[in-house]
């Protein structure tokens, strides 16, 4: 599904288009006879994004205080510290591949800090996060999938131990908030539900923000007049981030399962049909965005892009992703206002059809 109105409708109408599709997504691919696979599915299948109301409503209610504007603003210091620490490692003029360094390291450090993960395991945290993200990738099969599941279980066990510590000794971090927050039904999340949501926050907070940074840097390299403008006036960065999200969104497409017969566009679809709303094409639909292929940070209309989707499944961490993008680009332009493309060509990531990003993005700082 590629039209803006259709994609927005699918994201909004959860009574027709269901998110209960874990078993038919790549993460649900498992060997029922393998005990490790069974344990992985028992936890991973509880993720918020694979649930409809009332289960979705109940789980999401535990985040009602975690991602408010005031709560997210409290994390600005953590984002700034992680960004300046990484940028401080590089001298102007040095060439680096931005993807495994700044683009990947900042989100990993930020989400680890916010969740309350001890600094001495941050390196493992990024490895575990990549492994868990790989279970959602249809290209990861065979021994690679087995290894990704094994590493994901190590992550799950680590998060379970950390959650238990926070129950006994709460701290000023996101895990403490989640383990203590009761749902709208008045109960606490079960163990498997809790670990599934924390692990999802880790992956969502890593991969998508990594892609936002890599895609955004590429857009600034390709549009030097925009870079000059926001360097002179950083107040334009929030609008710039929104246009980055519109024209090259980190999440390319998603999936829904029809609960009942429906007409989408001119197509008659039957219950049980799997549909794939494509966010990237919806964000470039000329019926919704005039001159959609132009990177325009001064769009007159409200930038109603669907990078974070819409409706009840609107990304719970959208405010944090926006904050990270603004801080990273402000500091990058402040430290290296004349950064340019590196000597080696950039390489698009082709191993994942869902999340759009770069495999390599060499940059001379």
Foldseek 3Di string as FASTA:
>chain_A
DFALVLQQVLLAPCVFWPLQCCCPFLLNDDDPVDPLNVVLCLQQSLELSNDDPPSNQQLCQLCPPCQDPVNLVVLLVQLLVQQCVQVVVDDFQDKDWCLVGVLQRSLLSSLCVQQVPDPVCSVLLSVLLVLCVCSRFNLQDDPSVVVSSVSVVVQLVVLLVVLVVCVVPPDNHDSVSQQPGGTPVRHHDDSSNSSNHSSVCNNVSGQQLSQLQQQLVVVCQVPVVVLVVCLVPVVLLLLLSLLSCLQAAQFFKDKTFGCAWDARPNDTDGGGDIDIYTQNSNSQNCVVAPPSNDSDSPGPDDSPGQSQHDHSSRPSCPVNSSSSSSSNSNVCCVNHVPKHFDPDDWAWDDSGPTGTHTPTTMIRD
